């Protein structure tokens, strides 16, 4: 279909394309094969391939003689885009690395397009590709809802609360900050801007009705807001000299030693920092703020209660 400008009819495809032709019966019953063709059309479009249908001249509405084609201009790379062998290998590695992550569908589309254009990576190299996993199951449905301007509903468990609360929002942007994915959104009921940590979304994200597009660079705004929160979030931590905590906290972005053995660190989320500090055990002591110190103590006490 990529090699012809005029396109191919369904019969021509079934009788000539490998995978169909071996099972095609001229003038016979090809109902099962035709159903497979309909499914394959959906799969092709899902992979991002621009499959066009052309009605026969003078026969509008004649689905039997529809012609199918993939326009080369819409599928080829721009003339000024070229990849050398090293770049091709890196593209393949990147796509394969995401094959089990939340960007799996997008990576498959990229590989299919490259291969369809005659660009293939070195398969032995791809065997060594790492596997990256995005553990936030909400990532993909939220990405689709942002692209399609749809309202979403999900249960969200805030720190300190025993039960998750249902939130209904218009998703605006997904941003990664400080190694974690955040959703910037607008509350449907109030119009108030909110930021949600994806790891605290509980259960399934339900996609609902369409919403009017919200104009603006929501990604840049969200990152700027998170950076401002990080600037304001300051904690002073006493660390044991030579400990793992001293090494790791000293290498955090923005950390400074304000007194011998006392590090000043920045944070976005107090609960996440408390989890991290509690993991260091006796290697750290929170000097300030009091809320962080109490949160760390609560976690340590809960650990003792759970494990004796």
Protein backbone atom coordinates (compact mmCIF):
# COMPACT_ATOMS: atom_id res chain seq x y z
CA UNK A 1 0.00 0.00 0.00
CA UNK A 2 3.00 2.27 0.47
CA UNK A 3 4.30 1.44 -3.00
CA UNK A 4 1.19 2.43 -4.97
CA UNK A 5 -0.30 5.87 -5.51
CA UNK A 6 -3.71 4.58 -6.61
CA UNK A 7 -4.08 2.15 -3.72
CA UNK A 8 -5.29 -1.46 -3.62
CA UNK A 9 -8.78 -2.89 -3.23
CA UNK A 10 -9.51 -5.34 -0.45
CA UNK A 11 -9.56 -8.20 -2.96
CA UNK A 12 -6.18 -7.16 -4.36
CA UNK A 13 -4.71 -7.00 -0.86
CA UNK A 14 -6.10 -10.37 0.22
CA UNK A 15 -4.95 -12.07 -2.96
CA UNK A 16 -1.43 -10.64 -3.13
CA UNK A 17 -0.15 -9.64 0.33
CA UNK A 18 1.82 -12.24 2.24
CA UNK A 19 -0.14 -13.48 5.23
CA UNK A 20 -3.43 -13.20 3.37
CA UNK A 21 -2.64 -14.64 -0.06
CA UNK A 22 -1.79 -18.12 1.26
CA UNK A 23 -5.31 -18.47 2.68
CA UNK A 24 -7.25 -16.55 0.04
CA UNK A 25 -9.69 -18.53 -2.13
CA UNK A 26 -10.55 -16.80 -5.45
CA UNK A 27 -14.33 -16.65 -5.74
CA UNK A 28 -14.69 -18.65 -2.51
CA UNK A 29 -15.64 -17.98 1.10
CA UNK A 30 -13.12 -15.53 2.55
CA UNK A 31 -15.27 -14.21 5.41
CA UNK A 32 -12.76 -15.08 8.13
CA UNK A 33 -9.94 -13.49 6.16
CA UNK A 34 -11.99 -10.33 5.60
CA UNK A 35 -12.70 -10.06 9.33
CA UNK A 36 -8.97 -10.36 10.00
CA UNK A 37 -8.35 -7.62 7.45
CA UNK A 38 -10.76 -5.30 9.32
CA UNK A 39 -8.94 -5.98 12.59
CA UNK A 40 -5.58 -5.45 10.93
CA UNK A 41 -6.73 -2.07 9.58
CA UNK A 42 -7.45 -0.93 13.14
CA UNK A 43 -4.07 -2.23 14.31
CA UNK A 44 -2.28 -0.41 11.49
CA UNK A 45 -3.94 2.88 12.38
CA UNK A 46 -3.23 2.28 16.07
CA UNK A 47 0.46 2.04 15.17
CA UNK A 48 0.26 5.54 13.73
CA UNK A 49 0.26 4.51 10.06
CA UNK A 50 -1.86 6.93 7.95
CA UNK A 51 -4.07 4.40 6.13
CA UNK A 52 -6.29 6.19 3.60
CA UNK A 53 -9.43 4.95 1.84
CA UNK A 54 -10.28 6.12 -1.69
CA UNK A 55 -13.79 5.83 -3.11
CA UNK A 56 -14.05 4.76 -6.78
CA UNK A 57 -14.82 7.63 -9.15
CA UNK A 58 -18.53 7.95 -9.84
CA UNK A 59 -19.39 5.33 -7.22
CA UNK A 60 -19.73 7.16 -3.89
CA UNK A 61 -20.61 4.87 -1.02
CA UNK A 62 -19.40 1.74 -2.81
CA UNK A 63 -17.49 0.10 0.04
CA UNK A 64 -16.83 -3.05 -1.95
CA UNK A 65 -14.47 -1.27 -4.35
CA UNK A 66 -12.78 1.01 -1.82
CA UNK A 67 -9.06 1.33 -2.39
CA UNK A 68 -6.55 1.50 0.46
CA UNK A 69 -3.20 3.25 0.39
CA UNK A 70 -0.52 4.66 2.67
CA UNK A 71 0.55 8.07 1.29
CA UNK A 72 4.34 8.18 1.18
CA UNK A 73 4.44 11.91 1.82
CA UNK A 74 2.60 11.52 5.11
CA UNK A 75 4.73 8.59 6.24
CA UNK A 76 8.23 9.33 5.02
CA UNK A 77 10.80 11.16 7.09
CA UNK A 78 11.54 14.76 6.07
CA UNK A 79 14.24 15.09 3.40
CA UNK A 80 16.67 16.69 5.84
CA UNK A 81 16.39 13.89 8.43
CA UNK A 82 19.01 11.16 8.15
CA UNK A 83 20.32 8.66 10.70
CA UNK A 84 23.76 7.10 10.79
CA UNK A 85 24.27 3.53 12.03
CA UNK A 86 25.00 4.61 15.60
CA UNK A 87 21.89 6.81 15.78
CA UNK A 88 19.74 4.00 14.36
CA UNK A 89 21.05 1.62 17.02
CA UNK A 90 20.33 4.16 19.76
CA UNK A 91 16.79 4.72 18.46
CA UNK A 92 16.18 1.01 18.50
CA UNK A 93 17.59 0.65 22.00
CA UNK A 94 15.41 3.48 23.28
CA UNK A 95 12.27 1.96 21.79
CA UNK A 96 13.09 -1.51 23.06
CA UNK A 97 13.88 -0.17 26.52
CA UNK A 98 10.30 1.09 26.79
CA UNK A 99 8.73 -2.11 25.47
CA UNK A 100 7.27 -3.00 28.86
CA UNK A 101 6.76 0.52 30.16
CA UNK A 102 3.92 2.95 29.85
CA UNK A 103 5.31 4.22 26.53
CA UNK A 104 5.19 0.77 24.99
CA UNK A 105 2.65 1.70 22.29
CA UNK A 106 4.59 4.81 21.27
CA UNK A 107 7.87 2.89 21.08
CA UNK A 108 6.27 0.23 18.88
CA UNK A 109 4.94 2.90 16.53
CA UNK A 110 8.42 4.39 16.22
CA UNK A 111 10.03 1.04 15.42
CA UNK A 112 7.34 0.13 12.89
CA UNK A 113 7.80 3.43 11.07
CA UNK A 114 11.58 3.12 10.96
CA UNK A 115 11.41 -0.43 9.64
CA UNK A 116 8.75 0.46 7.07
CA UNK A 117 11.09 3.13 5.74
CA UNK A 118 13.90 0.62 5.37
CA UNK A 119 15.73 1.72 8.50
CA UNK A 120 16.56 -1.23 10.73
CA UNK A 121 18.64 -1.38 13.86
CA UNK A 122 21.18 -4.08 14.60
CA UNK A 123 19.07 -6.83 16.19
CA UNK A 124 21.96 -8.35 18.22
CA UNK A 125 22.46 -4.94 19.83
CA UNK A 126 18.77 -4.75 20.77
CA UNK A 127 19.15 -7.96 22.73
CA UNK A 128 21.07 -5.99 25.33
CA UNK A 129 18.49 -3.24 25.71
CA UNK A 130 17.53 -2.53 29.33
CA UNK A 131 13.94 -2.74 30.41
CA UNK A 132 12.50 0.45 31.85
CA UNK A 133 9.26 0.26 33.78
CA UNK A 134 6.96 3.08 34.72
CA UNK A 135 5.15 1.73 37.72
CA UNK A 136 2.47 4.42 37.56
CA UNK A 137 -0.36 2.69 35.72
CA UNK A 138 -2.15 6.04 35.47
CA UNK A 139 0.45 7.44 33.06
CA UNK A 140 -0.92 6.14 29.77
CA UNK A 141 -4.65 6.89 30.29
CA UNK A 142 -3.78 10.36 31.54
CA UNK A 143 -1.56 10.98 28.51
CA UNK A 144 -4.39 10.01 26.18
CA UNK A 145 -6.90 12.15 28.08
CA UNK A 146 -4.59 15.18 27.81
CA UNK A 147 -4.20 14.65 24.07
CA UNK A 148 -7.96 14.31 23.60
CA UNK A 149 -9.03 17.03 26.08
CA UNK A 150 -11.08 14.65 28.23
CA UNK A 151 -12.15 14.77 31.86
CA UNK A 152 -10.76 12.02 34.12
CA UNK A 153 -11.82 10.56 37.44
CA UNK A 154 -9.60 8.69 39.88
CA UNK A 155 -9.19 7.91 43.57
CA UNK A 156 -6.34 9.77 45.26
CA UNK A 157 -4.82 8.93 48.64
CA UNK A 158 -3.18 11.89 50.35
CA UNK A 159 -0.57 11.37 53.08
CA UNK A 160 -2.17 11.06 56.50
CA UNK A 161 -5.58 10.09 55.16
CA UNK A 162 -6.92 6.58 55.66
CA UNK A 163 -9.21 6.55 52.64
CA UNK A 164 -8.72 7.70 49.09
CA UNK A 165 -11.00 10.44 47.78
CA UNK A 166 -12.43 10.54 44.28
CA UNK A 167 -11.17 13.44 42.19
CA UNK A 168 -12.65 14.62 38.90
CA UNK A 169 -10.32 16.87 36.95
CA UNK A 170 -9.35 18.19 33.55
CA UNK A 171 -5.76 16.93 33.03
CA UNK A 172 -3.45 19.58 31.61
CA UNK A 173 0.10 18.22 31.70
CA UNK A 174 2.24 15.36 32.93
CA UNK A 175 5.66 16.43 34.15
CA UNK A 176 8.56 14.64 35.73
CA UNK A 177 10.14 16.54 38.58
CA UNK A 178 12.66 15.29 41.12
CA UNK A 179 12.41 11.82 39.56
CA UNK A 180 8.64 11.50 39.98
CA UNK A 181 5.68 12.01 37.67
CA UNK A 182 3.15 14.70 38.53
CA UNK A 183 -0.20 15.56 36.98
CA UNK A 184 -1.12 19.21 36.59
CA UNK A 185 -4.90 19.49 36.42
CA UNK A 186 -7.94 21.68 36.93
CA UNK A 187 -10.64 20.60 39.38
CA UNK A 188 -13.83 20.21 37.39
CA UNK A 189 -16.13 21.46 40.14
CA UNK A 190 -14.13 24.49 41.30
CA UNK A 191 -11.78 25.34 38.42
CA UNK A 192 -8.92 25.33 40.92
CA UNK A 193 -5.48 24.24 39.75
CA UNK A 194 -4.09 21.11 41.41
CA UNK A 195 -0.97 18.98 41.22
CA UNK A 196 -1.20 15.24 41.88
CA UNK A 197 1.60 12.75 42.42
CA UNK A 198 0.91 9.80 40.15
CA UNK A 199 2.12 7.24 42.67
CA UNK A 200 -0.77 8.26 44.96
CA UNK A 201 -3.47 7.55 42.39
CA UNK A 202 -5.28 4.43 43.57
CA UNK A 203 -6.87 2.04 41.11
CA UNK A 204 -8.06 2.78 37.61
CA UNK A 205 -8.26 6.15 35.88
CA UNK A 206 -11.68 6.59 34.27
CA UNK A 207 -11.82 8.76 31.16
CA UNK A 208 -15.02 10.75 30.69
CA UNK A 209 -16.53 13.51 28.60
CA UNK A 210 -14.69 15.99 26.44
CA UNK A 211 -13.64 19.34 27.89
CA UNK A 212 -12.84 22.61 26.13
CA UNK A 213 -9.07 22.92 25.47
CA UNK A 214 -7.18 24.95 28.08
CA UNK A 215 -4.72 27.20 26.31
CA UNK A 216 -1.23 27.90 27.58
CA UNK A 217 2.06 26.15 28.24
CA UNK A 218 0.86 23.97 31.10
CA UNK A 219 4.06 21.94 31.21
CA UNK A 220 6.29 24.98 31.76
CA UNK A 221 3.88 26.45 34.29
CA UNK A 222 3.67 23.19 36.24
CA UNK A 223 7.44 22.79 36.34
CA UNK A 224 7.83 26.39 37.51
CA UNK A 225 5.29 25.82 40.28
CA UNK A 226 7.04 22.65 41.44
CA UNK A 227 10.38 24.46 41.39
CA UNK A 228 8.88 27.19 43.59
CA UNK A 229 7.61 24.55 46.04
CA UNK A 230 11.08 23.00 46.07
CA UNK A 231 12.67 26.38 46.81
CA UNK A 232 10.35 26.92 49.78
CA UNK A 233 10.70 23.40 51.15
CA UNK A 234 13.77 23.53 53.40
CA UNK A 235 14.85 21.01 56.02
CA UNK A 236 17.94 20.91 58.22
CA UNK A 237 19.22 17.39 58.82
CA UNK A 238 21.98 16.31 61.20
CA UNK A 239 23.89 13.44 59.61
CA UNK A 240 26.37 10.96 61.01
CA UNK A 241 29.82 11.61 59.51
CA UNK A 242 30.86 9.12 56.86
CA UNK A 243 27.44 7.48 56.75
CA UNK A 244 25.40 6.53 53.71
CA UNK A 245 22.92 9.26 54.63
CA UNK A 246 25.67 11.89 54.69
CA UNK A 247 26.87 10.84 51.25
CA UNK A 248 23.46 10.62 49.62
CA UNK A 249 21.96 13.77 51.10
CA UNK A 250 25.08 15.80 50.32
CA UNK A 251 24.68 14.94 46.64
CA UNK A 252 21.07 16.06 46.39
CA UNK A 253 20.52 19.11 44.22
CA UNK A 254 20.76 22.32 46.24
CA UNK A 255 22.12 20.75 49.43
CA UNK A 256 24.46 22.89 51.51
CA UNK A 257 26.23 22.35 54.82
CA UNK A 258 25.01 25.10 57.15
CA UNK A 259 26.97 23.88 60.18
CA UNK A 260 29.36 21.00 60.90
CA UNK A 261 27.38 17.81 60.31
CA UNK A 262 24.14 19.64 59.44
CA UNK A 263 22.87 19.61 55.86
CA UNK A 264 20.16 21.89 54.51
CA UNK A 265 18.12 20.09 51.86
CA UNK A 266 15.21 21.12 49.66
CA UNK A 267 12.10 19.04 49.06
CA UNK A 268 8.77 19.13 47.26
CA UNK A 269 6.83 16.56 49.28
CA UNK A 270 7.32 16.29 53.04
CA UNK A 271 5.90 12.76 53.22
CA UNK A 272 8.31 11.45 50.58
CA UNK A 273 11.29 13.05 52.32
CA UNK A 274 10.12 11.56 55.62
CA UNK A 275 10.03 8.10 54.03
CA UNK A 276 13.57 8.58 52.74
CA UNK A 277 14.96 9.84 56.04
CA UNK A 278 13.28 7.08 58.04
CA UNK A 279 15.11 4.60 55.83
CA UNK A 280 18.45 5.95 57.08
CA UNK A 281 17.55 5.06 60.67
CA UNK A 282 20.04 6.35 63.27
CA UNK A 283 22.22 8.01 60.62
CA UNK A 284 20.00 11.12 60.58
CA UNK A 285 18.28 13.46 62.99
CA UNK A 286 15.81 16.06 61.77
CA UNK A 287 16.58 19.50 63.18
CA UNK A 288 13.76 21.29 61.35
CA UNK A 289 10.96 21.65 60.45
CA UNK A 290 9.04 20.07 63.36
CA UNK A 291 6.44 18.56 61.03
CA UNK A 292 9.15 16.60 59.22
CA UNK A 293 10.69 15.43 62.49
CA UNK A 294 7.29 14.19 63.70
CA UNK A 295 6.66 12.42 60.39
CA UNK A 296 9.99 10.58 60.59
CA UNK A 297 9.40 9.58 64.21
CA UNK A 298 5.92 8.31 63.33
CA UNK A 299 7.37 6.10 60.60
CA UNK A 300 10.07 4.70 62.86
CA UNK A 301 7.55 3.97 65.62
CA UNK A 302 5.27 2.23 63.14
CA UNK A 303 8.18 0.09 61.94
CA UNK A 304 8.99 -0.94 65.51
CA UNK A 305 5.33 -1.76 66.18
CA UNK A 306 5.05 -3.82 63.01
CA UNK A 307 8.26 -5.79 63.50
CA UNK A 308 8.78 -5.73 67.25
